Amino acid sequence: MKYCQRCVYPGNAAPGIIFDDMGVCSGCRLIESRREVDWEERERMLREILEESRAMQREKGNPFDCIIPVSGGKDSTFQTWLVKEKYGLNPLLVSYNHTFNTPLGIRNLSNLVEKMDCNLVRFTTAPGSAKRIAEYMLKKVGDVTWHYHAGIMTFPIRAAIQYDVPLIIWGEEGFSELVGMHNVDDFVEFTKKKRQEHSMRGFEPEDLLEEADCPLTEYDLAPFFYPSDEALERLDIRGIYLSNFIPWNARKQTEFIIEKLGFETAQFRERTFNIYDKLDDVHANGLHDYLKYLKFGYGRTTDDAATEVRHGRMAREQAIEMVAKYDHVRPSDMDIFLKAVGMIEDEFMKIIEPMRDPAIWAKDENGEWYVKDSVVNHLDDTGVDAVRVPLIKDARPFIRTPEKTSAHAQKAGEQNEYVIL
């Protein structure tokens, strides 16, 4: 397997990555190219978009200037502060509740609404529907969080039409930040096609209902039906990403909202060193990410470590050490899922077996799966030193929660508790 000479990404990284002649991946080059962007000009463009939306909404007599999809996580908390406090808009917060919540996530969402004094519209999927969808999509595409992504990427658009608010403001364009899917000059925006191909794994709810063996009903899938083209065109819906207009830096932004709004981080994580990302749901940083490892041989620590390297907060050697420590770990929240859907672990593993990437996985003489290669084996590849990102002064790979933000004491393992609301 080929690995990036600068960060830790493998050649089979999903949804796709490429390497240049120096062995540096497209994700690293994307972050590097952002240093040359005229961010003052980009912010001017953002202000024009926001002012136009506010003027249009005021003319209509609509109190909401834009919609911000929120979960209570670090990104949506920062988005809300930026849009309301810095730019002076009145956002309508919209949230999809997948039901597999953590107490920490619920606290952060409640804190966001209270501190920012915003209106929130939240759709809660039926808990039984969530379990049925998770089990079915595990078998179909190897994903227990399909309904998370489907809801997050559909309900805000439905709300935009219901409340007559054409502008939807997202945070980072994730695939650009991770694997460099788009260039900085593409100004990629949210589209149904982008949502379907990536967040929905290629499946609309209508497609699932046509499957002969599908146990799901229209009621189960109700939140995920996308509005008609006519409705979208009538309102002229537009979804922009803030990372196209500001120098997006999740670490700095998280430190800011900890100080400004009392955002809470985790105290520890099972599958990564990062304690401030993916805090609001039980499975995203655990079982969902473990499935990625079981299929492709790498996990969230690879994502997090690559980000730290690209921003000069971690040396590649330390990043590889983190990958070796965390990426393979079986998450305890797997037990929550297995109990919820009435499945044993052997059955779970058999479902995933045909989905393993043969470029990285193989069976030994005893029929046990093993990883054929790892970035750990590429510590001293030729050319690594030539493409290093210099470490910033006083670089730290992660943050700790200041005492003053810990209004609610967290016990170990709390992120793996399961609460519906």
Protein backbone atom coordinates (compact mmCIF):
# COMPACT_ATOMS: atom_id res chain seq x y z
CA MET A 1 0.00 0.00 0.00
CA LYS A 2 1.26 3.47 -0.80
CA TYR A 3 1.22 6.04 2.00
CA CYS A 4 1.59 9.81 1.92
CA GLN A 5 5.17 10.96 2.47
CA ARG A 6 3.93 13.93 4.49
CA CYS A 7 0.96 12.70 6.56
CA VAL A 8 -0.33 9.16 7.20
CA TYR A 9 -3.06 8.60 4.60
CA PRO A 10 -3.09 5.34 2.63
CA GLY A 11 -3.68 5.04 -1.10
CA ASN A 12 -7.07 3.40 -0.56
CA ALA A 13 -8.44 6.31 1.48
CA ALA A 14 -12.15 6.83 0.85
CA PRO A 15 -13.68 8.48 -1.11
CA GLY A 16 -10.44 8.80 -3.07
CA ILE A 17 -6.97 10.31 -2.82
CA ILE A 18 -4.07 10.89 -5.21
CA PHE A 19 -0.31 11.36 -4.75
CA ASP A 20 1.95 13.76 -6.63
CA ASP A 21 5.48 13.10 -7.89
CA MET A 22 6.89 13.81 -4.41
CA GLY A 23 4.57 11.28 -2.79
CA VAL A 24 2.42 13.92 -1.10
CA CYS A 25 -1.33 13.32 -1.02
CA SER A 26 -4.01 15.61 -2.42
CA GLY A 27 -5.30 16.34 1.09
CA CYS A 28 -1.93 17.70 2.19
CA ARG A 29 -1.61 19.77 -0.96
CA LEU A 30 -5.08 21.22 -0.47
CA ILE A 31 -4.22 22.43 3.04
CA GLU A 32 -0.91 23.77 1.74
CA SER A 33 -2.67 25.72 -1.03
CA ARG A 34 -4.95 27.43 1.48
CA ARG A 35 -1.96 29.40 2.76
CA GLU A 36 -1.89 31.32 -0.54
CA VAL A 37 -5.58 32.29 -0.49
CA ASP A 38 -6.56 35.95 -0.14
CA TRP A 39 -8.82 35.42 2.88
CA GLU A 40 -9.72 39.11 3.18
CA GLU A 41 -11.22 38.98 -0.29
CA ARG A 42 -12.97 35.70 0.53
CA GLU A 43 -14.50 37.20 3.66
CA ARG A 44 -15.72 40.17 1.63
CA MET A 45 -17.49 37.72 -0.65
CA LEU A 46 -19.04 36.00 2.38
CA ARG A 47 -20.29 39.30 3.78
CA GLU A 48 -21.95 40.09 0.46
CA ILE A 49 -23.75 36.74 0.46
CA LEU A 50 -24.92 37.21 4.04
CA GLU A 51 -26.04 40.80 3.54
CA GLU A 52 -27.98 39.84 0.42
CA SER A 53 -29.74 37.07 2.32
CA ARG A 54 -30.59 39.32 5.25
CA ALA A 55 -31.96 42.05 2.99
CA MET A 56 -34.10 39.57 1.06
CA GLN A 57 -35.51 38.00 4.23
CA ARG A 58 -36.31 41.38 5.74
CA GLU A 59 -38.09 42.42 2.57
CA LYS A 60 -40.24 39.28 2.84
CA GLY A 61 -40.93 39.94 6.51
CA ASN A 62 -39.18 36.69 7.45
CA PRO A 63 -37.35 36.83 10.83
CA PHE A 64 -34.80 34.16 9.83
CA ASP A 65 -31.83 35.25 7.72
CA CYS A 66 -30.34 31.82 7.19
CA ILE A 67 -30.39 28.22 8.40
CA ILE A 68 -27.49 26.60 10.25
CA PRO A 69 -27.55 22.80 10.56
CA VAL A 70 -26.36 22.03 14.10
CA SER A 71 -25.59 19.01 16.23
CA GLY A 72 -24.03 20.65 19.24
CA GLY A 73 -20.57 19.69 17.99
CA LYS A 74 -17.60 22.01 17.73
CA ASP A 75 -18.16 23.07 14.11
CA SER A 76 -21.83 24.00 14.32
CA THR A 77 -21.23 25.78 17.62
CA PHE A 78 -18.55 27.93 16.00
CA GLN A 79 -20.68 28.47 12.88
CA THR A 80 -23.53 29.80 15.00
CA TRP A 81 -21.30 32.17 16.96
CA LEU A 82 -19.67 33.46 13.76
CA VAL A 83 -22.91 34.03 11.87
CA LYS A 84 -24.82 35.60 14.74
CA GLU A 85 -22.19 37.48 16.71
CA LYS A 86 -19.63 38.50 14.10
CA TYR A 87 -21.93 39.01 11.12
CA GLY A 88 -25.13 39.96 12.95
CA LEU A 89 -27.59 37.57 11.28
CA ASN A 90 -30.58 35.88 12.90
CA PRO A 91 -30.12 32.17 12.11
CA LEU A 92 -32.65 29.40 12.51
CA LEU A 93 -30.85 26.40 13.96
CA VAL A 94 -31.94 23.05 12.52
CA SER A 95 -30.99 19.69 14.01
CA TYR A 96 -31.64 16.07 13.07
CA ASN A 97 -31.80 13.73 16.07
CA HIS A 98 -30.59 10.24 15.15
CA THR A 99 -31.45 9.05 18.74
CA PHE A 100 -28.02 7.53 19.56
CA ASN A 101 -27.02 10.55 21.64
CA THR A 102 -24.40 11.05 24.33
CA PRO A 103 -25.04 13.09 27.50
CA LEU A 104 -22.11 15.31 26.47
CA GLY A 105 -23.65 15.97 23.08
CA ILE A 106 -27.01 16.87 24.59
CA ARG A 107 -25.32 19.27 27.00
CA ASN A 108 -23.37 20.97 24.23
CA LEU A 109 -26.48 21.37 22.07
CA SER A 110 -28.47 22.81 24.98
CA ASN A 111 -25.57 25.10 25.85
CA LEU A 112 -25.39 26.34 22.25
CA VAL A 113 -29.08 27.24 22.14
CA GLU A 114 -28.95 28.92 25.55
CA LYS A 115 -25.70 30.87 25.12
CA MET A 116 -26.48 32.01 21.59
CA ASP A 117 -30.18 32.61 22.34
CA CYS A 118 -31.30 30.99 19.09
CA ASN A 119 -34.45 29.29 17.86
CA LEU A 120 -33.97 25.57 17.22
CA VAL A 121 -36.06 23.17 15.14
CA ARG A 122 -35.25 19.52 15.82
CA PHE A 123 -36.56 16.39 14.14
CA THR A 124 -36.29 13.19 16.18
CA THR A 125 -36.41 9.92 14.31
CA ALA A 126 -38.36 7.09 15.96
CA PRO A 127 -35.90 5.01 18.02
CA GLY A 128 -37.19 1.76 16.49
CA SER A 129 -36.76 3.19 13.00
CA ALA A 130 -33.18 4.20 13.83
CA LYS A 131 -32.34 0.65 14.93
CA ARG A 132 -33.98 -0.94 11.90
CA ILE A 133 -32.22 1.40 9.50
CA ALA A 134 -28.86 0.94 11.22
CA GLU A 135 -29.10 -2.85 11.02
CA TYR A 136 -30.28 -2.89 7.41
CA MET A 137 -27.67 -0.44 6.16
CA LEU A 138 -24.95 -2.33 8.02
CA LYS A 139 -25.82 -5.35 5.90
CA LYS A 140 -26.20 -3.34 2.70
CA VAL A 141 -23.25 -0.93 2.78
CA GLY A 142 -21.43 -1.60 6.06
CA ASP A 143 -22.61 1.58 7.76
CA VAL A 144 -24.58 1.81 11.02
CA THR A 145 -24.83 5.61 10.75
CA TRP A 146 -26.47 5.95 7.31
CA HIS A 147 -29.50 7.57 8.90
CA TYR A 148 -27.25 10.07 10.73
CA HIS A 149 -25.84 11.38 7.48
CA ALA A 150 -29.10 11.09 5.57
CA GLY A 151 -30.93 13.10 8.22
CA ILE A 152 -28.23 15.72 8.69
CA MET A 153 -28.03 16.29 4.94
CA THR A 154 -31.78 16.24 4.26
CA PHE A 155 -33.76 17.75 7.13
CA PRO A 156 -32.11 21.22 6.90
CA ILE A 157 -33.16 21.45 3.24
CA ARG A 158 -36.71 20.42 4.11
CA ALA A 159 -36.72 23.02 6.90
CA ALA A 160 -35.43 25.68 4.52
CA ILE A 161 -38.48 25.17 2.32
CA GLN A 162 -40.90 24.94 5.26
CA TYR A 163 -39.64 28.17 6.83
CA ASP A 164 -38.90 29.99 3.56
CA VAL A 165 -35.16 30.46 4.26
CA PRO A 166 -33.10 29.93 1.07
CA LEU A 167 -29.57 30.23 2.50
CA ILE A 168 -28.11 27.24 4.38
CA ILE A 169 -24.71 27.72 6.00
CA TRP A 170 -22.53 24.65 6.49
CA GLY A 171 -19.11 24.55 8.15
CA GLU A 172 -16.20 22.81 6.46
CA GLU A 173 -16.36 20.93 3.18
CA GLY A 174 -15.09 17.74 4.75
CA PHE A 175 -13.82 15.80 1.76
CA SER A 176 -11.74 18.77 0.65
CA GLU A 177 -10.19 19.13 4.09
CA LEU A 178 -9.41 15.40 4.40
CA VAL A 179 -8.50 14.11 0.94
CA GLY A 180 -8.42 17.22 -1.26
CA MET A 181 -11.43 16.26 -3.34
CA HIS A 182 -11.95 19.88 -4.46
CA ASN A 183 -9.53 22.74 -5.09
CA VAL A 184 -9.72 25.98 -3.12
CA ASP A 185 -10.95 27.84 -6.21
CA ASP A 186 -13.86 25.46 -6.84
CA PHE A 187 -16.09 27.16 -4.25
CA VAL A 188 -17.98 23.88 -4.02
CA GLU A 189 -21.53 24.21 -2.65
CA PHE A 190 -24.01 21.72 -1.23
CA THR A 191 -25.95 19.76 -3.84
CA LYS A 192 -28.33 16.82 -3.88
CA LYS A 193 -25.84 14.91 -6.04
CA LYS A 194 -23.00 15.47 -3.55
CA ARG A 195 -25.27 14.40 -0.69
CA GLN A 196 -26.44 11.26 -2.49
CA GLU A 197 -23.06 10.06 -3.70
CA HIS A 198 -21.24 10.44 -0.40
CA SER A 199 -23.49 10.94 2.63
CA MET A 200 -26.21 8.59 1.34
CA ARG A 201 -23.82 5.93 -0.05
CA GLY A 202 -25.64 6.31 -3.36
CA PHE A 203 -29.07 5.36 -1.97
CA GLU A 204 -32.13 7.56 -1.73
CA PRO A 205 -34.99 6.30 0.49
CA GLU A 206 -36.99 5.56 -2.65
CA ASP A 207 -34.23 3.17 -3.75
CA LEU A 208 -34.34 1.30 -0.46
CA LEU A 209 -38.11 0.86 -0.58
CA GLU A 210 -37.76 -0.81 -3.98
CA GLU A 211 -35.45 -3.50 -2.55
CA ALA A 212 -37.31 -6.82 -2.30
CA ASP A 213 -35.81 -7.69 1.08
CA CYS A 214 -36.03 -4.22 2.64
CA PRO A 215 -37.83 -4.33 6.02
CA LEU A 216 -38.07 -0.54 6.19
CA THR A 217 -41.26 1.42 5.64
CA GLU A 218 -41.97 4.87 4.29
CA TYR A 219 -42.59 5.89 7.89
CA ASP A 220 -39.10 4.74 8.88
CA LEU A 221 -37.53 6.71 6.04
CA ALA A 222 -39.76 9.79 6.23
CA PRO A 223 -37.05 12.31 7.23
CA PHE A 224 -34.81 11.41 4.30
CA PHE A 225 -36.99 12.17 1.28
CA TYR A 226 -35.43 15.09 -0.54
CA PRO A 227 -37.63 18.00 -1.67
CA SER A 228 -38.67 18.17 -5.31
CA ASP A 229 -36.65 20.08 -7.88
CA GLU A 230 -39.62 22.42 -8.29
CA ALA A 231 -39.62 23.29 -4.60
CA LEU A 232 -35.86 23.86 -4.58
CA GLU A 233 -35.97 26.06 -7.66
CA ARG A 234 -38.96 28.02 -6.41
CA LEU A 235 -37.09 29.06 -3.27
CA ASP A 236 -33.65 29.10 -4.95
CA ILE A 237 -32.05 27.06 -2.16
CA ARG A 238 -28.32 27.56 -1.74
CA GLY A 239 -25.92 25.80 0.65
CA ILE A 240 -22.50 27.37 1.20
CA TYR A 241 -19.47 26.14 3.15
CA LEU A 242 -17.74 28.59 5.48
CA SER A 243 -14.40 26.85 4.85
CA ASN A 244 -14.47 28.41 1.36
CA PHE A 245 -14.51 31.90 2.86
CA ILE A 246 -12.54 31.82 6.13
CA PRO A 247 -9.22 30.12 7.02
CA TRP A 248 -10.91 27.12 8.60
CA ASN A 249 -8.99 25.68 11.56
CA ALA A 250 -11.08 23.36 13.72
CA ARG A 251 -8.52 23.25 16.51
CA LYS A 252 -8.32 27.02 16.96
CA GLN A 253 -12.07 27.36 16.60
CA THR A 254 -12.65 24.75 19.29
CA GLU A 255 -10.30 26.49 21.68
CA PHE A 256 -12.22 29.70 21.01
CA ILE A 257 -15.67 28.25 21.77
CA ILE A 258 -14.36 26.55 24.91
CA GLU A 259 -13.29 29.96 26.16
CA LYS A 260 -16.21 31.94 24.77
CA LEU A 261 -19.17 29.60 25.18
CA GLY A 262 -18.09 26.90 27.62
CA PHE A 263 -18.07 24.12 25.03
CA GLU A 264 -17.23 20.78 26.67
CA THR A 265 -14.79 18.23 25.29
CA ALA A 266 -14.39 14.58 26.19
CA GLN A 267 -11.93 13.47 28.85
CA PHE A 268 -10.61 10.55 26.82
CA ARG A 269 -11.34 8.66 23.61
CA GLU A 270 -11.07 4.98 22.76
CA ARG A 271 -10.14 5.23 19.08
CA THR A 272 -8.26 8.53 18.82
CA PHE A 273 -6.23 11.07 20.74
CA ASN A 274 -8.60 13.84 19.59
CA ILE A 275 -10.91 14.79 22.47
CA TYR A 276 -12.95 17.53 20.81
CA ASP A 277 -14.42 15.98 17.65
CA LYS A 278 -17.49 13.74 17.10
CA LEU A 279 -18.76 14.05 20.67
CA ASP A 280 -22.50 14.19 20.16
CA ASP A 281 -23.35 10.63 19.13
CA VAL A 282 -22.48 7.20 20.45
CA HIS A 283 -21.28 5.51 17.28
CA ALA A 284 -19.58 8.09 15.02
CA ASN A 285 -16.18 7.93 16.66
CA GLY A 286 -16.60 4.32 17.76
CA LEU A 287 -18.41 1.67 15.77
CA HIS A 288 -18.83 3.70 12.57
CA ASP A 289 -15.13 4.45 12.54
CA TYR A 290 -14.23 0.87 13.47
CA LEU A 291 -16.18 -0.27 10.43
CA LYS A 292 -13.98 1.96 8.30
CA TYR A 293 -10.96 0.23 9.79
CA LEU A 294 -12.44 -3.23 9.19
CA LYS A 295 -13.12 -2.35 5.56
CA PHE A 296 -10.12 -0.20 4.61
CA GLY A 297 -7.48 -0.82 7.28
CA TYR A 298 -7.40 2.71 8.70
CA GLY A 299 -9.61 4.74 11.02
CA ARG A 300 -10.31 8.10 12.60
CA THR A 301 -6.88 8.39 14.16
CA THR A 302 -5.49 8.47 10.65
CA ASP A 303 -7.87 11.36 9.86
CA ASP A 304 -7.01 13.23 13.06
CA ALA A 305 -3.27 12.63 12.87
CA ALA A 306 -3.13 13.74 9.22
CA THR A 307 -4.85 16.99 10.16
CA GLU A 308 -2.37 17.62 12.98
CA VAL A 309 0.60 16.99 10.69
CA ARG A 310 -0.74 19.27 7.96
CA HIS A 311 -1.17 22.14 10.42
CA GLY A 312 2.29 21.69 11.91
CA ARG A 313 1.09 20.53 15.32
CA MET A 314 2.45 16.98 15.12
CA ALA A 315 5.46 15.35 13.51
CA ARG A 316 4.81 12.47 11.12
CA GLU A 317 6.61 10.11 13.50
CA GLN A 318 4.25 10.96 16.34
CA ALA A 319 1.28 10.68 13.98
CA ILE A 320 2.33 7.15 13.05
CA GLU A 321 2.67 6.33 16.74
CA MET A 322 -0.91 7.50 17.33
CA VAL A 323 -2.21 5.44 14.39
CA ALA A 324 -0.48 2.33 15.75
CA LYS A 325 -1.98 2.95 19.18
CA TYR A 326 -5.60 3.64 18.30
CA ASP A 327 -6.73 2.72 14.78
CA HIS A 328 -7.23 -1.00 15.46
CA VAL A 329 -9.02 -0.69 18.82
CA ARG A 330 -12.42 -2.37 19.19
CA PRO A 331 -14.85 0.25 20.56
CA SER A 332 -17.02 -0.50 23.58
CA ASP A 333 -20.03 1.16 21.93
CA MET A 334 -20.11 -1.82 19.58
CA ASP A 335 -21.79 -3.66 22.46
CA ILE A 336 -24.51 -1.00 22.59
CA PHE A 337 -25.31 -1.54 18.93
CA LEU A 338 -25.24 -5.34 19.12
CA LYS A 339 -27.61 -5.30 22.08
CA ALA A 340 -29.91 -2.74 20.44
CA VAL A 341 -30.39 -4.81 17.27
CA GLY A 342 -30.13 -8.28 18.84
CA MET A 343 -26.99 -9.37 17.01
CA ILE A 344 -23.93 -11.32 18.14
CA GLU A 345 -20.41 -10.23 17.23
CA ASP A 346 -19.67 -13.23 15.00
CA GLU A 347 -22.72 -12.37 12.90
CA PHE A 348 -21.56 -8.75 12.69
CA MET A 349 -18.10 -9.77 11.50
CA LYS A 350 -19.49 -12.13 8.86
CA ILE A 351 -21.54 -9.26 7.43
CA ILE A 352 -18.40 -7.14 7.04
CA GLU A 353 -16.19 -9.94 5.67
CA PRO A 354 -17.02 -9.45 1.95
CA MET A 355 -16.61 -5.68 2.33
CA ARG A 356 -12.94 -5.84 3.37
CA ASP A 357 -10.60 -4.21 0.85
CA PRO A 358 -8.36 -6.98 -0.57
CA ALA A 359 -5.68 -4.38 -1.24
CA ILE A 360 -5.05 -4.18 2.51
CA TRP A 361 -6.70 -7.26 4.13
CA ALA A 362 -5.87 -10.94 3.75
CA LYS A 363 -6.41 -14.19 5.66
CA ASP A 364 -3.64 -16.21 7.26
CA GLU A 365 -3.36 -20.03 7.20
CA ASN A 366 -5.78 -20.23 10.14
CA GLY A 367 -8.43 -18.18 8.36
CA GLU A 368 -7.82 -15.09 10.52
CA TRP A 369 -7.84 -11.65 8.93
CA TYR A 370 -4.68 -9.53 9.09
CA VAL A 371 -3.59 -6.18 7.67
CA LYS A 372 -1.02 -6.67 4.92
CA ASP A 373 0.55 -3.25 5.38
CA SER A 374 0.39 -0.21 7.63
CA VAL A 375 1.82 3.29 7.71
CA VAL A 376 3.86 1.99 10.66
CA ASN A 377 5.97 0.16 8.07
CA HIS A 378 6.62 3.42 6.22
CA LEU A 379 8.20 5.47 8.97
CA ASP A 380 11.46 6.07 7.11
CA ASP A 381 10.34 6.05 3.50
CA THR A 382 12.64 7.85 1.08
CA GLY A 383 11.58 11.45 0.58
CA VAL A 384 9.81 11.99 3.90
CA ASP A 385 12.21 14.67 5.13
CA ALA A 386 11.98 16.64 1.89
CA VAL A 387 8.23 17.28 2.24
CA ARG A 388 7.85 17.86 5.98
CA VAL A 389 5.64 20.61 7.36
CA PRO A 390 7.66 22.60 9.92
CA LEU A 391 6.30 22.25 13.44
CA ILE A 392 4.81 25.41 14.87
CA LYS A 393 6.23 26.77 18.10
CA ASP A 394 4.84 25.11 21.23
CA ALA A 395 2.90 22.64 19.05
CA ARG A 396 0.41 20.45 20.88
CA PRO A 397 -1.43 17.53 19.29
CA PHE A 398 -4.64 17.96 21.26
CA ILE A 399 -6.38 20.13 23.83
CA ARG A 400 -7.52 19.55 27.38
CA THR A 401 -10.73 20.88 28.85
CA PRO A 402 -10.01 23.88 31.11
CA GLU A 403 -11.38 23.45 34.60
CA LYS A 404 -13.78 26.34 34.18
CA THR A 405 -15.57 24.64 31.29
CA SER A 406 -16.34 21.50 33.27
CA ALA A 407 -19.66 22.62 34.71
CA HIS A 408 -20.83 19.02 34.54
CA ALA A 409 -18.35 16.41 35.76
CA GLN A 410 -17.80 13.67 33.19
CA LYS A 411 -17.17 10.14 34.26
CA ALA A 412 -14.97 7.86 32.22
CA GLY A 413 -16.75 6.30 29.28
CA GLU A 414 -19.64 8.76 29.28
CA GLN A 415 -19.42 9.24 25.51
CA ASN A 416 -20.53 5.64 25.14
CA GLU A 417 -23.73 6.06 27.13
CA TYR A 418 -26.91 5.99 25.11
CA VAL A 419 -29.75 8.47 25.56
CA ILE A 420 -32.63 9.03 23.16
CA LEU A 421 -33.31 12.71 23.75
